[in-house]
Amino acid sequence: MIDNYYISRRPKGHSIQPNIERVISDVKIMDEKNNYDFIFFATEDEIIKKRFIPEFGNKLKLLNPNITINYNYNKPYMINLNEKIYGNIEYIKNYVLNIIILSKCLDIITTKCNGAAAIFILTKGFRNSKIYNLGEY
């Protein structure tokens, strides 16, 4: 779970996000080590999604929300206040389903964020985990 909103806006007090290439590299390393049948991927960010899909092809599994958010990274508002997200119950259901599915995975790579906290609350543990804790903006 990485988010370009945080990379571009750097909101004070939020976790510093790793760059996309680092995460892709780490996923590849974990995949080579564990030989996954598939990789479940969750992000709210279309830019990140478009980078991951060609890297992992059909091995990548994801739940797409019912909308595409072309988020304007230059605007000062939080992504959850985007007009396509705010009050969209179907989008919220998709977000929660992603958290539930991620909590059932064998291994996980994630950033330190609220979604990851929810995942770890719901899981009985992961065989392997990598949590990017790069400080705060």
N, C-alpha and C. Protein backbone atom coordinates (compact mmCIF):
# COMPACT_ATOMS: atom_id res chain seq x y z
N MET A 1 0.85 -1.17 0.00
CA MET A 1 0.00 0.00 0.00
C MET A 1 0.90 1.24 0.00
N ILE A 2 1.01 1.87 -1.13
CA ILE A 2 1.71 3.14 -1.22
C ILE A 2 0.81 4.12 -1.93
N ASP A 3 1.04 5.37 -1.73
CA ASP A 3 0.12 6.36 -2.21
C ASP A 3 0.88 7.58 -2.72
N ASN A 4 0.70 7.91 -4.00
CA ASN A 4 1.35 9.08 -4.58
C ASN A 4 0.89 10.38 -3.94
N TYR A 5 -0.33 10.40 -3.37
CA TYR A 5 -0.78 11.62 -2.69
C TYR A 5 0.24 12.00 -1.63
N TYR A 6 0.65 11.03 -0.81
CA TYR A 6 1.59 11.31 0.25
C TYR A 6 2.98 11.62 -0.30
N ILE A 7 3.35 10.96 -1.39
CA ILE A 7 4.65 11.22 -2.00
C ILE A 7 4.69 12.65 -2.53
N SER A 8 3.63 13.10 -3.17
CA SER A 8 3.62 14.44 -3.77
C SER A 8 3.30 15.55 -2.77
N ARG A 9 2.40 15.31 -1.83
CA ARG A 9 1.97 16.37 -0.90
C ARG A 9 2.78 16.40 0.39
N ARG A 10 3.34 15.25 0.81
CA ARG A 10 4.13 15.14 2.04
C ARG A 10 3.42 15.77 3.25
N PRO A 11 2.22 15.30 3.57
CA PRO A 11 1.48 15.92 4.68
C PRO A 11 2.16 15.66 6.03
N LYS A 12 2.33 16.70 6.79
CA LYS A 12 3.01 16.62 8.08
C LYS A 12 2.36 15.55 8.97
N GLY A 13 3.22 14.73 9.58
CA GLY A 13 2.75 13.70 10.50
C GLY A 13 2.40 12.37 9.84
N HIS A 14 2.38 12.32 8.51
CA HIS A 14 2.07 11.07 7.81
C HIS A 14 3.36 10.34 7.46
N SER A 15 3.26 9.03 7.31
CA SER A 15 4.44 8.21 7.02
C SER A 15 5.04 8.53 5.66
N ILE A 16 6.35 8.57 5.61
CA ILE A 16 7.07 8.74 4.34
C ILE A 16 6.88 7.47 3.53
N GLN A 17 6.51 7.62 2.28
CA GLN A 17 6.25 6.50 1.40
C GLN A 17 7.51 6.09 0.64
N PRO A 18 7.72 4.80 0.42
CA PRO A 18 8.84 4.37 -0.41
C PRO A 18 8.55 4.69 -1.87
N ASN A 19 9.58 4.77 -2.69
CA ASN A 19 9.30 4.99 -4.11
C ASN A 19 8.79 3.69 -4.74
N ILE A 20 8.10 3.83 -5.84
CA ILE A 20 7.44 2.69 -6.49
C ILE A 20 8.45 1.63 -6.90
N GLU A 21 9.59 2.05 -7.44
CA GLU A 21 10.59 1.09 -7.89
C GLU A 21 11.10 0.22 -6.75
N ARG A 22 11.27 0.81 -5.57
CA ARG A 22 11.72 0.04 -4.40
C ARG A 22 10.71 -1.04 -4.04
N VAL A 23 9.44 -0.68 -4.04
CA VAL A 23 8.39 -1.63 -3.69
C VAL A 23 8.31 -2.75 -4.73
N ILE A 24 8.36 -2.38 -6.00
CA ILE A 24 8.34 -3.39 -7.06
C ILE A 24 9.51 -4.35 -6.89
N SER A 25 10.68 -3.82 -6.62
CA SER A 25 11.87 -4.67 -6.41
C SER A 25 11.68 -5.60 -5.22
N ASP A 26 11.16 -5.09 -4.12
CA ASP A 26 10.94 -5.91 -2.93
C ASP A 26 9.89 -6.99 -3.16
N VAL A 27 8.84 -6.66 -3.92
CA VAL A 27 7.83 -7.67 -4.25
C VAL A 27 8.46 -8.77 -5.11
N LYS A 28 9.27 -8.38 -6.07
CA LYS A 28 9.94 -9.38 -6.93
C LYS A 28 10.85 -10.28 -6.11
N ILE A 29 11.59 -9.71 -5.18
CA ILE A 29 12.49 -10.51 -4.32
C ILE A 29 11.68 -11.50 -3.49
N MET A 30 10.57 -11.03 -2.89
CA MET A 30 9.75 -11.91 -2.08
C MET A 30 9.09 -12.98 -2.94
N ASP A 31 8.69 -12.60 -4.15
CA ASP A 31 8.08 -13.57 -5.07
C ASP A 31 9.09 -14.64 -5.50
N GLU A 32 10.31 -14.24 -5.81
CA GLU A 32 11.35 -15.20 -6.18
C GLU A 32 11.63 -16.18 -5.04
N LYS A 33 11.64 -15.67 -3.83
CA LYS A 33 11.91 -16.50 -2.66
C LYS A 33 10.77 -17.47 -2.38
N ASN A 34 9.52 -17.02 -2.58
CA ASN A 34 8.36 -17.82 -2.17
C ASN A 34 7.54 -18.40 -3.31
N ASN A 35 7.86 -18.03 -4.54
CA ASN A 35 7.20 -18.57 -5.72
C ASN A 35 5.67 -18.55 -5.60
N TYR A 36 5.11 -17.36 -5.49
CA TYR A 36 3.67 -17.19 -5.32
C TYR A 36 2.90 -17.58 -6.57
N ASP A 37 1.71 -18.14 -6.37
CA ASP A 37 0.79 -18.38 -7.48
C ASP A 37 0.21 -17.05 -7.97
N PHE A 38 -0.05 -16.15 -7.04
CA PHE A 38 -0.54 -14.82 -7.38
C PHE A 38 -0.10 -13.83 -6.31
N ILE A 39 -0.22 -12.56 -6.65
CA ILE A 39 0.12 -11.47 -5.73
C ILE A 39 -1.11 -10.59 -5.63
N PHE A 40 -1.67 -10.46 -4.43
CA PHE A 40 -2.81 -9.56 -4.24
C PHE A 40 -2.27 -8.16 -4.01
N PHE A 41 -2.83 -7.22 -4.71
CA PHE A 41 -2.32 -5.85 -4.73
C PHE A 41 -3.44 -4.88 -4.42
N ALA A 42 -3.20 -3.94 -3.51
CA ALA A 42 -4.22 -2.95 -3.16
C ALA A 42 -3.61 -1.56 -3.15
N THR A 43 -4.24 -0.65 -3.86
CA THR A 43 -3.86 0.75 -3.84
C THR A 43 -5.05 1.59 -4.27
N GLU A 44 -5.09 2.82 -3.80
CA GLU A 44 -6.12 3.76 -4.24
C GLU A 44 -5.60 4.60 -5.40
N ASP A 45 -4.37 4.38 -5.78
CA ASP A 45 -3.66 5.27 -6.67
C ASP A 45 -3.50 4.67 -8.07
N GLU A 46 -4.10 5.31 -9.06
CA GLU A 46 -4.05 4.81 -10.44
C GLU A 46 -2.64 4.82 -11.01
N ILE A 47 -1.81 5.79 -10.64
CA ILE A 47 -0.44 5.85 -11.15
C ILE A 47 0.35 4.64 -10.68
N ILE A 48 0.21 4.29 -9.41
CA ILE A 48 0.91 3.13 -8.86
C ILE A 48 0.38 1.86 -9.50
N LYS A 49 -0.93 1.75 -9.64
CA LYS A 49 -1.54 0.57 -10.26
C LYS A 49 -0.99 0.37 -11.68
N LYS A 50 -0.90 1.45 -12.44
CA LYS A 50 -0.41 1.37 -13.82
C LYS A 50 1.06 0.96 -13.89
N ARG A 51 1.83 1.18 -12.85
CA ARG A 51 3.23 0.74 -12.80
C ARG A 51 3.34 -0.73 -12.43
N PHE A 52 2.47 -1.21 -11.55
CA PHE A 52 2.54 -2.59 -11.08
C PHE A 52 2.00 -3.59 -12.10
N ILE A 53 0.94 -3.26 -12.79
CA ILE A 53 0.30 -4.21 -13.70
C ILE A 53 1.27 -4.76 -14.75
N PRO A 54 2.03 -3.92 -15.47
CA PRO A 54 2.96 -4.49 -16.46
C PRO A 54 4.10 -5.30 -15.84
N GLU A 55 4.47 -5.00 -14.61
CA GLU A 55 5.56 -5.70 -13.94
C GLU A 55 5.18 -7.13 -13.58
N PHE A 56 3.92 -7.35 -13.18
CA PHE A 56 3.51 -8.65 -12.65
C PHE A 56 2.45 -9.36 -13.49
N GLY A 57 1.88 -8.67 -14.46
CA GLY A 57 0.94 -9.28 -15.40
C GLY A 57 -0.22 -10.00 -14.73
N ASN A 58 -0.52 -11.19 -15.24
CA ASN A 58 -1.67 -11.97 -14.75
C ASN A 58 -1.48 -12.51 -13.34
N LYS A 59 -0.26 -12.45 -12.83
CA LYS A 59 0.00 -12.91 -11.46
C LYS A 59 -0.60 -11.92 -10.45
N LEU A 60 -0.81 -10.69 -10.87
CA LEU A 60 -1.33 -9.64 -10.01
C LEU A 60 -2.85 -9.72 -9.94
N LYS A 61 -3.37 -9.79 -8.73
CA LYS A 61 -4.82 -9.82 -8.50
C LYS A 61 -5.20 -8.59 -7.70
N LEU A 62 -6.30 -7.94 -8.08
CA LEU A 62 -6.74 -6.76 -7.34
C LEU A 62 -8.23 -6.58 -7.48
N LEU A 63 -8.80 -5.88 -6.52
CA LEU A 63 -10.20 -5.48 -6.58
C LEU A 63 -10.22 -4.03 -7.03
N ASN A 64 -10.85 -3.78 -8.13
CA ASN A 64 -10.95 -2.40 -8.60
C ASN A 64 -12.18 -1.75 -8.00
N PRO A 65 -12.06 -0.50 -7.56
CA PRO A 65 -13.26 0.20 -7.10
C PRO A 65 -14.19 0.46 -8.28
N ASN A 66 -15.40 0.86 -8.00
CA ASN A 66 -16.38 1.10 -9.05
C ASN A 66 -16.12 2.40 -9.81
N ILE A 67 -15.06 3.10 -9.46
CA ILE A 67 -14.72 4.37 -10.11
C ILE A 67 -13.21 4.44 -10.34
N THR A 68 -12.82 5.28 -11.26
CA THR A 68 -11.41 5.59 -11.44
C THR A 68 -11.19 7.00 -10.92
N ILE A 69 -10.24 7.13 -10.03
CA ILE A 69 -9.97 8.44 -9.44
C ILE A 69 -8.73 9.01 -10.11
N ASN A 70 -8.94 10.04 -10.90
CA ASN A 70 -7.81 10.75 -11.48
C ASN A 70 -7.50 11.91 -10.55
N TYR A 71 -6.83 11.57 -9.47
CA TYR A 71 -6.58 12.53 -8.39
C TYR A 71 -5.61 13.61 -8.83
N ASN A 72 -5.91 14.85 -8.52
CA ASN A 72 -5.04 15.97 -8.82
C ASN A 72 -4.07 16.16 -7.65
N TYR A 73 -2.82 15.75 -7.84
CA TYR A 73 -1.83 15.79 -6.78
C TYR A 73 -1.39 17.20 -6.41
N ASN A 74 -1.79 18.18 -7.18
CA ASN A 74 -1.42 19.57 -6.87
C ASN A 74 -2.44 20.28 -5.98
N LYS A 75 -3.60 19.67 -5.80
CA LYS A 75 -4.63 20.27 -4.94
C LYS A 75 -4.32 19.95 -3.47
N PRO A 76 -4.68 20.85 -2.56
CA PRO A 76 -4.31 20.66 -1.16
C PRO A 76 -5.23 19.77 -0.33
N TYR A 77 -6.26 19.17 -0.90
CA TYR A 77 -7.17 18.39 -0.08
C TYR A 77 -6.76 16.92 -0.03
N MET A 78 -7.20 16.23 1.02
CA MET A 78 -6.89 14.82 1.21
C MET A 78 -7.63 13.98 0.16
N ILE A 79 -7.06 12.82 -0.18
CA ILE A 79 -7.65 11.96 -1.21
C ILE A 79 -9.06 11.51 -0.81
N ASN A 80 -9.31 11.32 0.49
CA ASN A 80 -10.64 10.87 0.90
C ASN A 80 -11.71 11.95 0.74
N LEU A 81 -11.30 13.18 0.48
CA LEU A 81 -12.26 14.25 0.23
C LEU A 81 -12.55 14.44 -1.26
N ASN A 82 -11.94 13.63 -2.09
CA ASN A 82 -12.20 13.68 -3.52
C ASN A 82 -13.69 13.46 -3.76
N GLU A 83 -14.26 14.23 -4.67
CA GLU A 83 -15.70 14.16 -4.93
C GLU A 83 -16.20 12.78 -5.34
N LYS A 84 -15.32 11.94 -5.92
CA LYS A 84 -15.73 10.60 -6.33
C LYS A 84 -15.66 9.61 -5.16
N ILE A 85 -14.95 9.96 -4.10
CA ILE A 85 -14.79 9.06 -2.96
C ILE A 85 -15.71 9.44 -1.81
N TYR A 86 -15.75 10.72 -1.48
CA TYR A 86 -16.48 11.20 -0.31
C TYR A 86 -17.95 10.76 -0.38
N GLY A 87 -18.37 9.96 0.61
CA GLY A 87 -19.75 9.49 0.68
C GLY A 87 -20.08 8.32 -0.24
N ASN A 88 -19.10 7.79 -0.96
CA ASN A 88 -19.34 6.69 -1.90
C ASN A 88 -19.23 5.36 -1.15
N ILE A 89 -20.35 4.82 -0.74
CA ILE A 89 -20.38 3.60 0.07
C ILE A 89 -19.77 2.41 -0.67
N GLU A 90 -19.95 2.33 -1.98
CA GLU A 90 -19.37 1.23 -2.75
C GLU A 90 -17.84 1.30 -2.73
N TYR A 91 -17.31 2.50 -2.80
CA TYR A 91 -15.85 2.67 -2.73
C TYR A 91 -15.34 2.24 -1.35
N ILE A 92 -16.05 2.62 -0.30
CA ILE A 92 -15.67 2.26 1.07
C ILE A 92 -15.73 0.74 1.26
N LYS A 93 -16.76 0.10 0.72
CA LYS A 93 -16.86 -1.37 0.80
C LYS A 93 -15.66 -2.02 0.12
N ASN A 94 -15.27 -1.51 -1.04
CA ASN A 94 -14.12 -2.04 -1.76
C ASN A 94 -12.85 -1.89 -0.92
N TYR A 95 -12.70 -0.75 -0.27
CA TYR A 95 -11.53 -0.49 0.58
C TYR A 95 -11.47 -1.50 1.73
N VAL A 96 -12.60 -1.73 2.38
CA VAL A 96 -12.66 -2.67 3.50
C VAL A 96 -12.40 -4.11 3.01
N LEU A 97 -12.96 -4.47 1.87
CA LEU A 97 -12.70 -5.81 1.31
C LEU A 97 -11.21 -6.01 1.02
N ASN A 98 -10.54 -4.98 0.52
CA ASN A 98 -9.10 -5.07 0.30
C ASN A 98 -8.37 -5.35 1.61
N ILE A 99 -8.74 -4.67 2.67
CA ILE A 99 -8.11 -4.87 3.97
C ILE A 99 -8.35 -6.30 4.47
N ILE A 100 -9.56 -6.78 4.32
CA ILE A 100 -9.87 -8.15 4.76
C ILE A 100 -9.05 -9.16 3.97
N ILE A 101 -9.02 -9.03 2.65
CA ILE A 101 -8.25 -9.97 1.82
C ILE A 101 -6.76 -9.90 2.18
N LEU A 102 -6.22 -8.71 2.33
CA LEU A 102 -4.81 -8.58 2.70
C LEU A 102 -4.52 -9.24 4.05
N SER A 103 -5.47 -9.19 4.97
CA SER A 103 -5.26 -9.81 6.28
C SER A 103 -5.22 -11.34 6.20
N LYS A 104 -5.70 -11.90 5.10
CA LYS A 104 -5.72 -13.35 4.92
C LYS A 104 -4.53 -13.87 4.10
N CYS A 105 -3.69 -12.97 3.62
CA CYS A 105 -2.54 -13.38 2.80
C CYS A 105 -1.46 -14.04 3.66
N LEU A 106 -0.62 -14.83 3.02
CA LEU A 106 0.50 -15.47 3.74
C LEU A 106 1.57 -14.46 4.13
N ASP A 107 1.88 -13.56 3.22
CA ASP A 107 2.95 -12.58 3.40
C ASP A 107 2.42 -11.21 3.03
N ILE A 108 3.13 -10.17 3.48
CA ILE A 108 2.68 -8.80 3.16
C ILE A 108 3.86 -7.86 3.04
N ILE A 109 3.72 -6.91 2.13
CA ILE A 109 4.60 -5.75 2.03
C ILE A 109 3.68 -4.55 2.07
N THR A 110 3.95 -3.62 2.99
CA THR A 110 3.08 -2.46 3.15
C THR A 110 3.86 -1.29 3.73
N THR A 111 3.26 -0.13 3.68
CA THR A 111 3.79 1.02 4.38
C THR A 111 3.15 1.10 5.75
N LYS A 112 3.71 1.90 6.59
CA LYS A 112 3.13 2.17 7.91
C LYS A 112 2.00 3.18 7.68
N CYS A 113 0.75 2.70 7.78
CA CYS A 113 -0.41 3.55 7.52
C CYS A 113 -1.62 2.98 8.26
N ASN A 114 -2.72 3.70 8.23
CA ASN A 114 -3.92 3.25 8.93
C ASN A 114 -4.47 1.96 8.34
N GLY A 115 -4.43 1.81 7.02
CA GLY A 115 -4.90 0.58 6.40
C GLY A 115 -4.09 -0.62 6.86
N ALA A 116 -2.77 -0.44 6.96
CA ALA A 116 -1.90 -1.53 7.43
C ALA A 116 -2.21 -1.88 8.89
N ALA A 117 -2.49 -0.88 9.70
CA ALA A 117 -2.86 -1.14 11.10
C ALA A 117 -4.10 -2.03 11.16
N ALA A 118 -5.09 -1.72 10.33
CA ALA A 118 -6.31 -2.53 10.29
C ALA A 118 -5.99 -3.96 9.84
N ILE A 119 -5.12 -4.10 8.85
CA ILE A 119 -4.73 -5.43 8.36
C ILE A 119 -4.12 -6.25 9.49
N PHE A 120 -3.21 -5.65 10.23
CA PHE A 120 -2.53 -6.38 11.30
C PHE A 120 -3.46 -6.68 12.47
N ILE A 121 -4.48 -5.87 12.68
CA ILE A 121 -5.47 -6.16 13.71
C ILE A 121 -6.28 -7.40 13.32
N LEU A 122 -6.59 -7.54 12.03
CA LEU A 122 -7.43 -8.64 11.56
C LEU A 122 -6.69 -9.95 11.33
N THR A 123 -5.38 -9.91 11.19
CA THR A 123 -4.63 -11.12 10.84
C THR A 123 -4.25 -11.93 12.08
N LYS A 124 -3.96 -13.19 11.83
CA LYS A 124 -3.40 -14.04 12.88
C LYS A 124 -1.89 -14.12 12.70
N GLY A 125 -1.36 -13.27 11.85
CA GLY A 125 0.08 -13.22 11.62
C GLY A 125 0.42 -13.52 10.17
N PHE A 126 1.60 -13.10 9.76
CA PHE A 126 2.10 -13.35 8.42
C PHE A 126 3.37 -14.17 8.52
N ARG A 127 3.58 -15.00 7.53
CA ARG A 127 4.81 -15.78 7.46
C ARG A 127 6.00 -14.84 7.26
N ASN A 128 5.87 -13.91 6.33
CA ASN A 128 6.89 -12.90 6.05
C ASN A 128 6.20 -11.55 5.94
N SER A 129 6.83 -10.52 6.48
CA SER A 129 6.27 -9.17 6.33
C SER A 129 7.39 -8.16 6.18
N LYS A 130 7.09 -7.15 5.39
CA LYS A 130 7.99 -6.01 5.23
C LYS A 130 7.12 -4.78 5.38
N ILE A 131 7.45 -3.97 6.38
CA ILE A 131 6.70 -2.74 6.63
C ILE A 131 7.68 -1.58 6.48
N TYR A 132 7.40 -0.73 5.51
CA TYR A 132 8.26 0.44 5.31
C TYR A 132 7.96 1.45 6.41
N ASN A 133 8.95 1.70 7.24
CA ASN A 133 8.84 2.68 8.31
C ASN A 133 9.98 3.67 8.10
N LEU A 134 9.74 4.61 7.21
CA LEU A 134 10.78 5.54 6.77
C LEU A 134 10.70 6.90 7.46
N GLY A 135 9.95 6.95 8.56
CA GLY A 135 9.79 8.22 9.28
C GLY A 135 8.53 8.93 8.83
N GLU A 136 8.42 10.18 9.24
CA GLU A 136 7.24 10.99 8.91
C GLU A 136 7.65 12.24 8.17
N TYR A 137 6.71 12.74 7.39
CA TYR A 137 6.94 14.01 6.69
C TYR A 137 6.93 15.15 7.67
